[in-house]
Amino acid sequence: MARYTGPRTKKARALGEAIFGFDRAFEKRKTPPGQHGGGRRKQKSDYANQLREKQKAKYTYGLLEKQFRNLFDKASRKKGVTGEVLLQLLESRLDNAVFRLGIAPTRRAARQLVSHRHIVVNGVVNNIPSTQLKPGDVVSVRGKSKNLEVIAQNVASNISEAKKYSWLQFSSDAMEGKFLEYPERELIPEKINEQLIVELYSK
């Protein structure tokens, strides 16, 4: 399973946001990494801003460069505004849905649950985190995995998590959720300027 395994706090500081979730080290020191991280910085070029947004989206959703580019190419072939379609495709990934439903506390943890065969999609065990969900798909915790303490604790502590997102429906008792529709851009909480990503790849 290809994924980023480098220093997370350092990357979050470089991008200026806690893109991997709450991080005490990041909260203590949000300046860019390096000897002169806290000093004055000259104005960034358009390319630097575009690259930063792409990196932010890539690390937020846990994709590697080739995966992200392939998803962008897929978004550009679909009808609609490319940047919005890209975010919709990112949101419809199986690992992201497991995270949004509150079954896992982070996307990285969600990816692990999926790869370890704890998640079922439409009644079939699915261990591919990048699986693209379609409206109507049902995501649930595998029968014998429902008794795992870590999953039960996640669901109990995040019982209201899925209610934040109108495109998802979740039953904590059945540990089962449904992907209702692709979310509108204004409903996606991530602070990503997707237009800058489109401009970067359009060069």
N, C-alpha and C. Protein backbone atom coordinates (compact mmCIF):
# COMPACT_ATOMS: atom_id res chain seq x y z
N MET A 1 0.84 -1.19 0.00
CA MET A 1 0.00 0.00 0.00
C MET A 1 0.88 1.24 0.00
N ALA A 2 0.93 1.94 -1.14
CA ALA A 2 1.76 3.13 -1.25
C ALA A 2 1.16 4.29 -0.47
N ARG A 3 1.99 4.94 0.34
CA ARG A 3 1.51 6.07 1.13
C ARG A 3 2.71 6.89 1.58
N TYR A 4 2.43 8.13 2.01
CA TYR A 4 3.51 8.99 2.50
C TYR A 4 3.91 8.52 3.90
N THR A 5 5.21 8.34 4.12
CA THR A 5 5.68 7.84 5.42
C THR A 5 6.69 8.79 6.05
N GLY A 6 6.82 9.99 5.49
CA GLY A 6 7.79 10.94 6.02
C GLY A 6 7.27 11.69 7.23
N PRO A 7 8.02 12.70 7.69
CA PRO A 7 7.63 13.47 8.89
C PRO A 7 6.37 14.28 8.64
N ARG A 8 5.36 14.06 9.47
CA ARG A 8 4.07 14.71 9.25
C ARG A 8 4.03 16.15 9.77
N THR A 9 4.58 16.37 10.97
CA THR A 9 4.55 17.73 11.53
C THR A 9 5.34 18.70 10.65
N LYS A 10 6.48 18.27 10.18
CA LYS A 10 7.31 19.11 9.32
C LYS A 10 6.56 19.47 8.03
N LYS A 11 5.87 18.50 7.47
CA LYS A 11 5.12 18.75 6.25
C LYS A 11 3.95 19.70 6.52
N ALA A 12 3.29 19.52 7.66
CA ALA A 12 2.17 20.39 8.02
C ALA A 12 2.66 21.83 8.22
N ARG A 13 3.82 21.99 8.85
CA ARG A 13 4.38 23.32 9.06
C ARG A 13 4.74 23.97 7.72
N ALA A 14 5.25 23.20 6.80
CA ALA A 14 5.62 23.72 5.49
C ALA A 14 4.40 24.22 4.73
N LEU A 15 3.26 23.54 4.92
CA LEU A 15 2.04 23.91 4.22
C LEU A 15 1.17 24.86 5.04
N GLY A 16 1.52 25.04 6.31
CA GLY A 16 0.80 26.00 7.14
C GLY A 16 -0.51 25.53 7.72
N GLU A 17 -0.81 24.24 7.62
CA GLU A 17 -2.07 23.70 8.15
C GLU A 17 -1.85 22.30 8.70
N ALA A 18 -2.65 21.93 9.69
CA ALA A 18 -2.56 20.59 10.28
C ALA A 18 -3.29 19.60 9.37
N ILE A 19 -2.69 19.32 8.22
CA ILE A 19 -3.36 18.52 7.19
C ILE A 19 -3.52 17.04 7.57
N PHE A 20 -2.79 16.58 8.57
CA PHE A 20 -2.89 15.18 8.98
C PHE A 20 -3.77 15.01 10.22
N GLY A 21 -4.48 16.06 10.61
CA GLY A 21 -5.28 16.01 11.82
C GLY A 21 -4.60 16.75 12.96
N PHE A 22 -5.23 16.74 14.13
CA PHE A 22 -4.70 17.47 15.27
C PHE A 22 -3.29 17.00 15.60
N ASP A 23 -2.39 17.96 15.82
CA ASP A 23 -0.99 17.67 16.07
C ASP A 23 -0.47 18.67 17.11
N ARG A 24 -0.15 18.17 18.31
CA ARG A 24 0.31 19.07 19.38
C ARG A 24 1.58 19.81 18.98
N ALA A 25 2.49 19.11 18.33
CA ALA A 25 3.75 19.74 17.92
C ALA A 25 3.50 20.86 16.92
N PHE A 26 2.54 20.65 16.03
CA PHE A 26 2.22 21.69 15.06
C PHE A 26 1.58 22.90 15.74
N GLU A 27 0.69 22.63 16.71
CA GLU A 27 0.02 23.73 17.42
C GLU A 27 1.01 24.59 18.19
N LYS A 28 2.07 23.97 18.68
CA LYS A 28 3.08 24.73 19.43
C LYS A 28 3.94 25.59 18.52
N ARG A 29 4.18 25.12 17.31
CA ARG A 29 5.06 25.84 16.41
C ARG A 29 4.57 25.70 14.97
N LYS A 30 3.89 26.73 14.48
CA LYS A 30 3.29 26.68 13.16
C LYS A 30 4.14 27.34 12.08
N THR A 31 5.29 27.88 12.47
CA THR A 31 6.15 28.51 11.47
C THR A 31 6.75 27.46 10.54
N PRO A 32 7.12 27.86 9.32
CA PRO A 32 7.73 26.92 8.38
C PRO A 32 9.00 26.30 8.97
N PRO A 33 9.32 25.07 8.60
CA PRO A 33 10.52 24.42 9.13
C PRO A 33 11.78 25.07 8.58
N GLY A 34 12.89 24.85 9.26
CA GLY A 34 14.16 25.40 8.81
C GLY A 34 14.72 26.42 9.78
N GLN A 35 15.96 26.76 9.60
CA GLN A 35 16.66 27.67 10.51
C GLN A 35 16.00 29.04 10.58
N HIS A 36 15.46 29.50 9.44
CA HIS A 36 14.86 30.83 9.40
C HIS A 36 13.35 30.77 9.20
N GLY A 37 12.75 29.72 9.71
CA GLY A 37 11.32 29.51 9.51
C GLY A 37 10.45 30.63 10.02
N GLY A 38 10.87 31.29 11.08
CA GLY A 38 10.03 32.32 11.66
C GLY A 38 10.29 33.70 11.11
N GLY A 39 11.26 33.83 10.21
CA GLY A 39 11.61 35.15 9.68
C GLY A 39 10.66 35.60 8.58
N ARG A 40 10.97 36.77 8.03
CA ARG A 40 10.14 37.31 6.96
C ARG A 40 10.35 36.51 5.69
N ARG A 41 9.28 36.32 4.97
CA ARG A 41 9.36 35.56 3.73
C ARG A 41 8.96 36.45 2.56
N LYS A 42 9.69 36.36 1.46
CA LYS A 42 9.33 37.16 0.30
C LYS A 42 8.06 36.59 -0.33
N GLN A 43 7.38 37.43 -1.09
CA GLN A 43 6.13 37.02 -1.71
C GLN A 43 6.35 35.84 -2.65
N LYS A 44 5.44 34.85 -2.56
CA LYS A 44 5.59 33.65 -3.37
C LYS A 44 5.07 33.89 -4.78
N SER A 45 5.64 33.18 -5.73
CA SER A 45 5.21 33.28 -7.12
C SER A 45 3.89 32.55 -7.31
N ASP A 46 3.24 32.77 -8.45
CA ASP A 46 1.99 32.07 -8.76
C ASP A 46 2.21 30.57 -8.79
N TYR A 47 3.34 30.16 -9.35
CA TYR A 47 3.64 28.73 -9.43
C TYR A 47 3.78 28.13 -8.02
N ALA A 48 4.44 28.86 -7.13
CA ALA A 48 4.64 28.36 -5.76
C ALA A 48 3.30 28.20 -5.05
N ASN A 49 2.38 29.14 -5.26
CA ASN A 49 1.06 29.05 -4.64
C ASN A 49 0.26 27.89 -5.22
N GLN A 50 0.38 27.69 -6.52
CA GLN A 50 -0.33 26.58 -7.17
C GLN A 50 0.20 25.24 -6.67
N LEU A 51 1.53 25.14 -6.58
CA LEU A 51 2.16 23.91 -6.11
C LEU A 51 1.76 23.62 -4.66
N ARG A 52 1.70 24.67 -3.85
CA ARG A 52 1.35 24.52 -2.44
C ARG A 52 -0.06 23.94 -2.30
N GLU A 53 -1.00 24.41 -3.10
CA GLU A 53 -2.38 23.91 -3.02
C GLU A 53 -2.46 22.46 -3.46
N LYS A 54 -1.68 22.13 -4.49
CA LYS A 54 -1.66 20.73 -4.94
C LYS A 54 -1.09 19.81 -3.87
N GLN A 55 0.01 20.25 -3.26
CA GLN A 55 0.63 19.46 -2.20
C GLN A 55 -0.31 19.32 -1.00
N LYS A 56 -1.00 20.41 -0.68
CA LYS A 56 -1.93 20.38 0.45
C LYS A 56 -3.03 19.34 0.21
N ALA A 57 -3.61 19.36 -0.98
CA ALA A 57 -4.68 18.41 -1.30
C ALA A 57 -4.15 16.97 -1.32
N LYS A 58 -2.96 16.81 -1.89
CA LYS A 58 -2.36 15.47 -2.00
C LYS A 58 -2.09 14.85 -0.65
N TYR A 59 -1.51 15.62 0.26
CA TYR A 59 -1.19 15.09 1.58
C TYR A 59 -2.43 14.99 2.47
N THR A 60 -3.38 15.90 2.30
CA THR A 60 -4.61 15.84 3.10
C THR A 60 -5.34 14.53 2.86
N TYR A 61 -5.45 14.14 1.60
CA TYR A 61 -6.21 12.93 1.26
C TYR A 61 -5.32 11.69 1.17
N GLY A 62 -4.01 11.85 1.37
CA GLY A 62 -3.12 10.70 1.46
C GLY A 62 -2.78 10.03 0.15
N LEU A 63 -2.64 10.82 -0.92
CA LEU A 63 -2.29 10.26 -2.21
C LEU A 63 -0.83 10.55 -2.56
N LEU A 64 -0.25 9.68 -3.36
CA LEU A 64 1.07 9.93 -3.91
C LEU A 64 0.92 10.71 -5.22
N GLU A 65 2.02 11.20 -5.75
CA GLU A 65 1.97 12.09 -6.90
C GLU A 65 1.26 11.47 -8.11
N LYS A 66 1.63 10.24 -8.45
CA LYS A 66 1.04 9.60 -9.63
C LYS A 66 -0.45 9.36 -9.43
N GLN A 67 -0.84 8.95 -8.23
CA GLN A 67 -2.25 8.72 -7.93
C GLN A 67 -3.05 10.01 -8.09
N PHE A 68 -2.47 11.11 -7.58
CA PHE A 68 -3.17 12.39 -7.62
C PHE A 68 -3.31 12.87 -9.06
N ARG A 69 -2.25 12.73 -9.85
CA ARG A 69 -2.31 13.15 -11.24
C ARG A 69 -3.33 12.34 -12.01
N ASN A 70 -3.37 11.03 -11.78
CA ASN A 70 -4.35 10.18 -12.46
C ASN A 70 -5.78 10.59 -12.12
N LEU A 71 -5.99 10.95 -10.85
CA LEU A 71 -7.33 11.38 -10.42
C LEU A 71 -7.69 12.71 -11.06
N PHE A 72 -6.70 13.60 -11.20
CA PHE A 72 -6.95 14.88 -11.86
C PHE A 72 -7.32 14.64 -13.33
N ASP A 73 -6.60 13.75 -14.00
CA ASP A 73 -6.90 13.44 -15.40
C ASP A 73 -8.31 12.89 -15.53
N LYS A 74 -8.72 12.07 -14.57
CA LYS A 74 -10.07 11.52 -14.58
C LYS A 74 -11.10 12.63 -14.39
N ALA A 75 -10.81 13.57 -13.48
CA ALA A 75 -11.72 14.69 -13.23
C ALA A 75 -11.85 15.58 -14.46
N SER A 76 -10.74 15.78 -15.17
CA SER A 76 -10.76 16.65 -16.35
C SER A 76 -11.57 16.07 -17.49
N ARG A 77 -11.77 14.75 -17.47
CA ARG A 77 -12.55 14.11 -18.54
C ARG A 77 -14.04 14.09 -18.23
N LYS A 78 -14.40 14.40 -16.99
CA LYS A 78 -15.81 14.39 -16.59
C LYS A 78 -16.47 15.74 -16.84
N LYS A 79 -17.78 15.72 -16.93
CA LYS A 79 -18.52 16.96 -17.08
C LYS A 79 -18.47 17.76 -15.79
N GLY A 80 -18.55 19.06 -15.90
CA GLY A 80 -18.54 19.91 -14.71
C GLY A 80 -17.24 20.68 -14.57
N VAL A 81 -17.15 21.44 -13.48
CA VAL A 81 -15.95 22.23 -13.19
C VAL A 81 -14.87 21.28 -12.69
N THR A 82 -13.75 21.24 -13.38
CA THR A 82 -12.70 20.25 -13.09
C THR A 82 -12.26 20.25 -11.63
N GLY A 83 -12.02 21.44 -11.06
CA GLY A 83 -11.56 21.51 -9.68
C GLY A 83 -12.56 20.92 -8.70
N GLU A 84 -13.84 21.23 -8.91
CA GLU A 84 -14.88 20.70 -8.02
C GLU A 84 -15.03 19.19 -8.19
N VAL A 85 -14.96 18.74 -9.43
CA VAL A 85 -15.06 17.30 -9.70
C VAL A 85 -13.90 16.56 -9.04
N LEU A 86 -12.72 17.17 -9.07
CA LEU A 86 -11.54 16.56 -8.43
C LEU A 86 -11.78 16.35 -6.95
N LEU A 87 -12.30 17.37 -6.27
CA LEU A 87 -12.58 17.24 -4.84
C LEU A 87 -13.67 16.21 -4.58
N GLN A 88 -14.65 16.13 -5.45
CA GLN A 88 -15.70 15.14 -5.30
C GLN A 88 -15.15 13.72 -5.42
N LEU A 89 -14.21 13.54 -6.35
CA LEU A 89 -13.58 12.23 -6.50
C LEU A 89 -12.74 11.88 -5.28
N LEU A 90 -12.07 12.87 -4.72
CA LEU A 90 -11.28 12.65 -3.51
C LEU A 90 -12.19 12.27 -2.35
N GLU A 91 -13.33 12.95 -2.25
CA GLU A 91 -14.27 12.69 -1.17
C GLU A 91 -14.95 11.33 -1.31
N SER A 92 -15.05 10.83 -2.52
CA SER A 92 -15.74 9.56 -2.75
C SER A 92 -14.82 8.35 -2.64
N ARG A 93 -13.55 8.57 -2.31
CA ARG A 93 -12.65 7.45 -2.06
C ARG A 93 -13.13 6.67 -0.83
N LEU A 94 -12.95 5.37 -0.84
CA LEU A 94 -13.42 4.54 0.26
C LEU A 94 -12.76 4.91 1.59
N ASP A 95 -11.44 5.13 1.59
CA ASP A 95 -10.77 5.46 2.86
C ASP A 95 -11.27 6.79 3.42
N ASN A 96 -11.55 7.75 2.55
CA ASN A 96 -12.07 9.03 3.01
C ASN A 96 -13.47 8.88 3.60
N ALA A 97 -14.30 8.04 2.95
CA ALA A 97 -15.66 7.82 3.45
C ALA A 97 -15.64 7.16 4.83
N VAL A 98 -14.75 6.20 5.02
CA VAL A 98 -14.62 5.54 6.32
C VAL A 98 -14.23 6.55 7.39
N PHE A 99 -13.35 7.49 7.03
CA PHE A 99 -12.96 8.56 7.95
C PHE A 99 -14.13 9.50 8.23
N ARG A 100 -14.81 9.94 7.19
CA ARG A 100 -15.94 10.86 7.35
C ARG A 100 -17.08 10.25 8.17
N LEU A 101 -17.27 8.95 8.04
CA LEU A 101 -18.35 8.27 8.77
C LEU A 101 -18.03 8.13 10.25
N GLY A 102 -16.79 8.39 10.64
CA GLY A 102 -16.41 8.29 12.04
C GLY A 102 -15.97 6.91 12.47
N ILE A 103 -15.78 6.02 11.50
CA ILE A 103 -15.33 4.66 11.82
C ILE A 103 -13.85 4.68 12.20
N ALA A 104 -13.12 5.64 11.67
CA ALA A 104 -11.70 5.81 11.97
C ALA A 104 -11.44 7.28 12.30
N PRO A 105 -10.47 7.56 13.19
CA PRO A 105 -10.21 8.94 13.61
C PRO A 105 -9.44 9.78 12.59
N THR A 106 -8.71 9.14 11.69
CA THR A 106 -7.94 9.85 10.67
C THR A 106 -8.05 9.09 9.35
N ARG A 107 -7.67 9.74 8.27
CA ARG A 107 -7.68 9.06 6.97
C ARG A 107 -6.63 7.95 6.95
N ARG A 108 -5.52 8.17 7.61
CA ARG A 108 -4.48 7.14 7.64
C ARG A 108 -4.99 5.90 8.37
N ALA A 109 -5.70 6.09 9.47
CA ALA A 109 -6.28 4.96 10.21
C ALA A 109 -7.36 4.28 9.37
N ALA A 110 -8.13 5.09 8.63
CA ALA A 110 -9.17 4.53 7.78
C ALA A 110 -8.57 3.66 6.68
N ARG A 111 -7.47 4.13 6.12
CA ARG A 111 -6.78 3.36 5.07
C ARG A 111 -6.30 2.02 5.62
N GLN A 112 -5.86 2.03 6.86
CA GLN A 112 -5.38 0.78 7.48
C GLN A 112 -6.54 -0.19 7.72
N LEU A 113 -7.69 0.34 8.17
CA LEU A 113 -8.86 -0.53 8.39
C LEU A 113 -9.29 -1.19 7.08
N VAL A 114 -9.27 -0.40 6.01
CA VAL A 114 -9.67 -0.95 4.71
C VAL A 114 -8.68 -2.01 4.24
N SER A 115 -7.39 -1.71 4.30
CA SER A 115 -6.38 -2.65 3.80
C SER A 115 -6.31 -3.92 4.63
N HIS A 116 -6.75 -3.85 5.89
CA HIS A 116 -6.74 -5.03 6.75
C HIS A 116 -8.07 -5.79 6.69
N ARG A 117 -8.90 -5.45 5.70
CA ARG A 117 -10.12 -6.20 5.39
C ARG A 117 -11.19 -6.11 6.49
N HIS A 118 -11.30 -4.95 7.11
CA HIS A 118 -12.34 -4.74 8.12
C HIS A 118 -13.57 -4.05 7.55
N ILE A 119 -13.50 -3.63 6.28
CA ILE A 119 -14.58 -2.84 5.69
C ILE A 119 -15.24 -3.59 4.54
N VAL A 120 -16.56 -3.46 4.48
CA VAL A 120 -17.36 -4.12 3.46
C VAL A 120 -18.09 -3.06 2.63
N VAL A 121 -18.10 -3.23 1.32
CA VAL A 121 -18.83 -2.32 0.43
C VAL A 121 -19.87 -3.13 -0.33
N ASN A 122 -21.13 -2.77 -0.15
CA ASN A 122 -22.24 -3.47 -0.80
C ASN A 122 -22.19 -4.98 -0.53
N GLY A 123 -21.84 -5.33 0.71
CA GLY A 123 -21.85 -6.73 1.11
C GLY A 123 -20.60 -7.52 0.76
N VAL A 124 -19.62 -6.88 0.14
CA VAL A 124 -18.39 -7.58 -0.26
C VAL A 124 -17.19 -6.92 0.42
N VAL A 125 -16.32 -7.73 1.02
CA VAL A 125 -15.12 -7.21 1.67
C VAL A 125 -14.27 -6.47 0.63
N ASN A 126 -13.85 -5.26 0.98
CA ASN A 126 -13.05 -4.45 0.07
C ASN A 126 -11.80 -3.97 0.79
N ASN A 127 -10.63 -4.29 0.26
CA ASN A 127 -9.37 -3.90 0.90
C ASN A 127 -8.57 -2.92 0.05
N ILE A 128 -9.28 -2.17 -0.82
CA ILE A 128 -8.62 -1.19 -1.70
C ILE A 128 -9.05 0.21 -1.27
N PRO A 129 -8.19 0.94 -0.56
CA PRO A 129 -8.55 2.27 -0.05
C PRO A 129 -8.98 3.26 -1.13
N SER A 130 -8.45 3.12 -2.35
CA SER A 130 -8.73 4.08 -3.42
C SER A 130 -10.03 3.81 -4.16
N THR A 131 -10.76 2.78 -3.75
CA THR A 131 -12.04 2.47 -4.41
C THR A 131 -12.94 3.70 -4.48
N GLN A 132 -13.46 3.99 -5.67
CA GLN A 132 -14.36 5.13 -5.84
C GLN A 132 -15.80 4.71 -5.58
N LEU A 133 -16.40 5.31 -4.57
CA LEU A 133 -17.78 5.00 -4.25
C LEU A 133 -18.72 5.73 -5.20
N LYS A 134 -19.88 5.15 -5.41
CA LYS A 134 -20.92 5.76 -6.23
C LYS A 134 -22.15 5.99 -5.36
N PRO A 135 -22.98 6.96 -5.71
CA PRO A 135 -24.20 7.20 -4.92
C PRO A 135 -25.01 5.92 -4.75
N GLY A 136 -25.36 5.65 -3.51
CA GLY A 136 -26.12 4.43 -3.22
C GLY A 136 -25.28 3.32 -2.63
N ASP A 137 -23.95 3.42 -2.73
CA ASP A 137 -23.07 2.40 -2.18
C ASP A 137 -23.17 2.37 -0.66
N VAL A 138 -23.17 1.16 -0.11
CA VAL A 138 -23.27 0.98 1.34
C VAL A 138 -21.92 0.53 1.89
N VAL A 139 -21.43 1.26 2.88
CA VAL A 139 -20.14 0.96 3.51
C VAL A 139 -20.39 0.53 4.94
N SER A 140 -19.87 -0.61 5.33
CA SER A 140 -20.10 -1.10 6.69
C SER A 140 -18.86 -1.80 7.24
N VAL A 141 -18.87 -1.99 8.55
CA VAL A 141 -17.79 -2.72 9.21
C VAL A 141 -18.09 -4.21 9.07
N ARG A 142 -17.08 -4.96 8.72
CA ARG A 142 -17.23 -6.41 8.55
C ARG A 142 -17.78 -7.04 9.83
N GLY A 143 -18.64 -8.02 9.67
CA GLY A 143 -19.31 -8.64 10.81
C GLY A 143 -18.43 -8.98 11.99
N LYS A 144 -17.38 -9.75 11.77
CA LYS A 144 -16.52 -10.17 12.87
C LYS A 144 -15.61 -9.06 13.37
N SER A 145 -15.55 -7.95 12.62
CA SER A 145 -14.71 -6.83 13.04
C SER A 145 -15.45 -5.84 13.94
N LYS A 146 -16.77 -5.97 14.02
CA LYS A 146 -17.57 -5.04 14.81
C LYS A 146 -17.25 -5.13 16.30
N ASN A 147 -16.72 -6.28 16.72
CA ASN A 147 -16.40 -6.47 18.14
C ASN A 147 -15.00 -5.99 18.51
N LEU A 148 -14.23 -5.56 17.51
CA LEU A 148 -12.89 -5.05 17.81
C LEU A 148 -13.01 -3.77 18.63
N GLU A 149 -12.27 -3.71 19.73
CA GLU A 149 -12.37 -2.58 20.65
C GLU A 149 -12.05 -1.25 19.97
N VAL A 150 -11.01 -1.25 19.14
CA VAL A 150 -10.59 0.00 18.51
C VAL A 150 -11.68 0.57 17.61
N ILE A 151 -12.38 -0.30 16.88
CA ILE A 151 -13.45 0.16 15.99
C ILE A 151 -14.66 0.61 16.80
N ALA A 152 -15.03 -0.16 17.83
CA ALA A 152 -16.16 0.20 18.67
C ALA A 152 -15.93 1.55 19.35
N GLN A 153 -14.71 1.79 19.80
CA GLN A 153 -14.38 3.06 20.45
C GLN A 153 -14.44 4.22 19.47
N ASN A 154 -13.95 3.99 18.25
CA ASN A 154 -14.00 5.04 17.24
C ASN A 154 -15.43 5.43 16.92
N VAL A 155 -16.28 4.44 16.72
CA VAL A 155 -17.68 4.71 16.39
C VAL A 155 -18.39 5.42 17.54
N ALA A 156 -18.11 4.98 18.78
CA ALA A 156 -18.75 5.59 19.95
C ALA A 156 -18.32 7.04 20.15
N SER A 157 -17.03 7.31 19.92
CA SER A 157 -16.51 8.67 20.16
C SER A 157 -16.80 9.61 19.00
N ASN A 158 -17.10 9.05 17.83
CA ASN A 158 -17.39 9.88 16.65
C ASN A 158 -18.82 9.70 16.17
N ILE A 159 -19.73 9.43 17.10
CA ILE A 159 -21.10 9.08 16.76
C ILE A 159 -21.83 10.17 15.98
N SER A 160 -21.39 11.42 16.17
CA SER A 160 -22.05 12.52 15.46
C SER A 160 -21.28 12.98 14.24
N GLU A 161 -20.17 12.30 13.93
CA GLU A 161 -19.29 12.75 12.86
C GLU A 161 -19.98 12.77 11.50
N ALA A 162 -20.64 11.66 11.13
CA ALA A 162 -21.26 11.57 9.81
C ALA A 162 -22.40 12.57 9.65
N LYS A 163 -23.01 12.99 10.77
CA LYS A 163 -24.12 13.93 10.68
C LYS A 163 -23.68 15.30 10.17
N LYS A 164 -22.36 15.54 10.21
CA LYS A 164 -21.83 16.82 9.71
C LYS A 164 -21.91 16.88 8.19
N TYR A 165 -22.01 15.73 7.55
CA TYR A 165 -21.89 15.67 6.10
C TYR A 165 -23.18 15.16 5.48
N SER A 166 -23.85 16.02 4.74
CA SER A 166 -25.17 15.70 4.20
C SER A 166 -25.14 14.62 3.12
N TRP A 167 -23.96 14.36 2.56
CA TRP A 167 -23.89 13.36 1.50
C TRP A 167 -23.67 11.95 2.06
N LEU A 168 -23.61 11.83 3.38
CA LEU A 168 -23.43 10.53 4.02
C LEU A 168 -24.55 10.24 5.02
N GLN A 169 -24.82 8.97 5.21
CA GLN A 169 -25.81 8.53 6.19
C GLN A 169 -25.18 7.40 6.98
N PHE A 170 -25.32 7.41 8.29
CA PHE A 170 -24.64 6.39 9.09
C PHE A 170 -25.49 5.92 10.26
N SER A 171 -25.49 4.61 10.48
CA SER A 171 -26.15 4.01 11.63
C SER A 171 -25.07 3.44 12.54
N SER A 172 -24.91 4.04 13.72
CA SER A 172 -23.86 3.59 14.63
C SER A 172 -24.17 2.20 15.18
N ASP A 173 -25.44 1.87 15.33
CA ASP A 173 -25.81 0.55 15.86
C ASP A 173 -25.42 -0.56 14.88
N ALA A 174 -25.68 -0.33 13.61
CA ALA A 174 -25.35 -1.34 12.60
C ALA A 174 -23.93 -1.18 12.08
N MET A 175 -23.27 -0.06 12.48
CA MET A 175 -21.95 0.28 11.95
C MET A 175 -21.97 0.24 10.42
N GLU A 176 -22.98 0.91 9.88
CA GLU A 176 -23.20 0.89 8.44
C GLU A 176 -23.54 2.29 7.94
N GLY A 177 -22.92 2.69 6.85
CA GLY A 177 -23.17 4.00 6.28
C GLY A 177 -23.49 3.90 4.80
N LYS A 178 -24.01 5.00 4.27
CA LYS A 178 -24.39 5.03 2.86
C LYS A 178 -23.86 6.30 2.23
N PHE A 179 -23.27 6.16 1.05
CA PHE A 179 -22.79 7.30 0.27
C PHE A 179 -23.97 7.75 -0.59
N LEU A 180 -24.59 8.87 -0.21
CA LEU A 180 -25.83 9.30 -0.84
C LEU A 180 -25.61 10.00 -2.18
N GLU A 181 -24.60 10.87 -2.23
CA GLU A 181 -24.38 11.65 -3.44
C GLU A 181 -23.00 12.29 -3.40
N TYR A 182 -22.56 12.80 -4.54
CA TYR A 182 -21.31 13.54 -4.57
C TYR A 182 -21.55 14.90 -3.92
N PRO A 183 -20.71 15.31 -2.99
CA PRO A 183 -20.95 16.56 -2.27
C PRO A 183 -20.72 17.81 -3.12
N GLU A 184 -21.51 18.84 -2.86
CA GLU A 184 -21.28 20.13 -3.50
C GLU A 184 -20.02 20.75 -2.89
N ARG A 185 -19.35 21.61 -3.66
CA ARG A 185 -18.07 22.17 -3.20
C ARG A 185 -18.19 22.89 -1.87
N GLU A 186 -19.26 23.67 -1.68
CA GLU A 186 -19.38 24.46 -0.45
C GLU A 186 -19.58 23.59 0.80
N LEU A 187 -19.89 22.32 0.61
CA LEU A 187 -20.10 21.42 1.75
C LEU A 187 -18.81 20.73 2.19
N ILE A 188 -17.80 20.74 1.33
CA ILE A 188 -16.52 20.09 1.65
C ILE A 188 -15.70 21.04 2.52
N PRO A 189 -15.36 20.65 3.76
CA PRO A 189 -14.73 21.57 4.71
C PRO A 189 -13.26 21.88 4.47
N GLU A 190 -12.56 21.09 3.68
CA GLU A 190 -11.12 21.31 3.49
C GLU A 190 -10.84 22.67 2.84
N LYS A 191 -9.85 23.37 3.38
CA LYS A 191 -9.48 24.69 2.86
C LYS A 191 -8.47 24.54 1.72
N ILE A 192 -9.00 24.18 0.58
CA ILE A 192 -8.17 23.94 -0.60
C ILE A 192 -8.70 24.80 -1.74
N ASN A 193 -7.80 25.53 -2.39
CA ASN A 193 -8.17 26.33 -3.56
C ASN A 193 -7.95 25.46 -4.79
N GLU A 194 -8.98 24.75 -5.18
CA GLU A 194 -8.85 23.77 -6.27
C GLU A 194 -8.55 24.43 -7.63
N GLN A 195 -8.94 25.69 -7.79
CA GLN A 195 -8.67 26.36 -9.06
C GLN A 195 -7.17 26.50 -9.31
N LEU A 196 -6.41 26.70 -8.24
CA LEU A 196 -4.95 26.80 -8.39
C LEU A 196 -4.35 25.48 -8.85
N ILE A 197 -4.96 24.37 -8.42
CA ILE A 197 -4.49 23.04 -8.86
C ILE A 197 -4.74 22.87 -10.34
N VAL A 198 -5.93 23.31 -10.78
CA VAL A 198 -6.26 23.22 -12.22
C VAL A 198 -5.27 24.06 -13.02
N GLU A 199 -4.96 25.26 -12.53
CA GLU A 199 -4.02 26.13 -13.24
C GLU A 199 -2.63 25.49 -13.31
N LEU A 200 -2.23 24.82 -12.24
CA LEU A 200 -0.91 24.16 -12.22
C LEU A 200 -0.81 23.09 -13.29
N TYR A 201 -1.83 22.24 -13.37
CA TYR A 201 -1.80 21.13 -14.33
C TYR A 201 -2.13 21.58 -15.75
N SER A 202 -2.58 22.80 -15.91
CA SER A 202 -2.95 23.30 -17.24
C SER A 202 -1.77 23.97 -17.94
N LYS A 203 -0.64 24.06 -17.26
CA LYS A 203 0.54 24.71 -17.85
C LYS A 203 1.10 23.90 -19.00
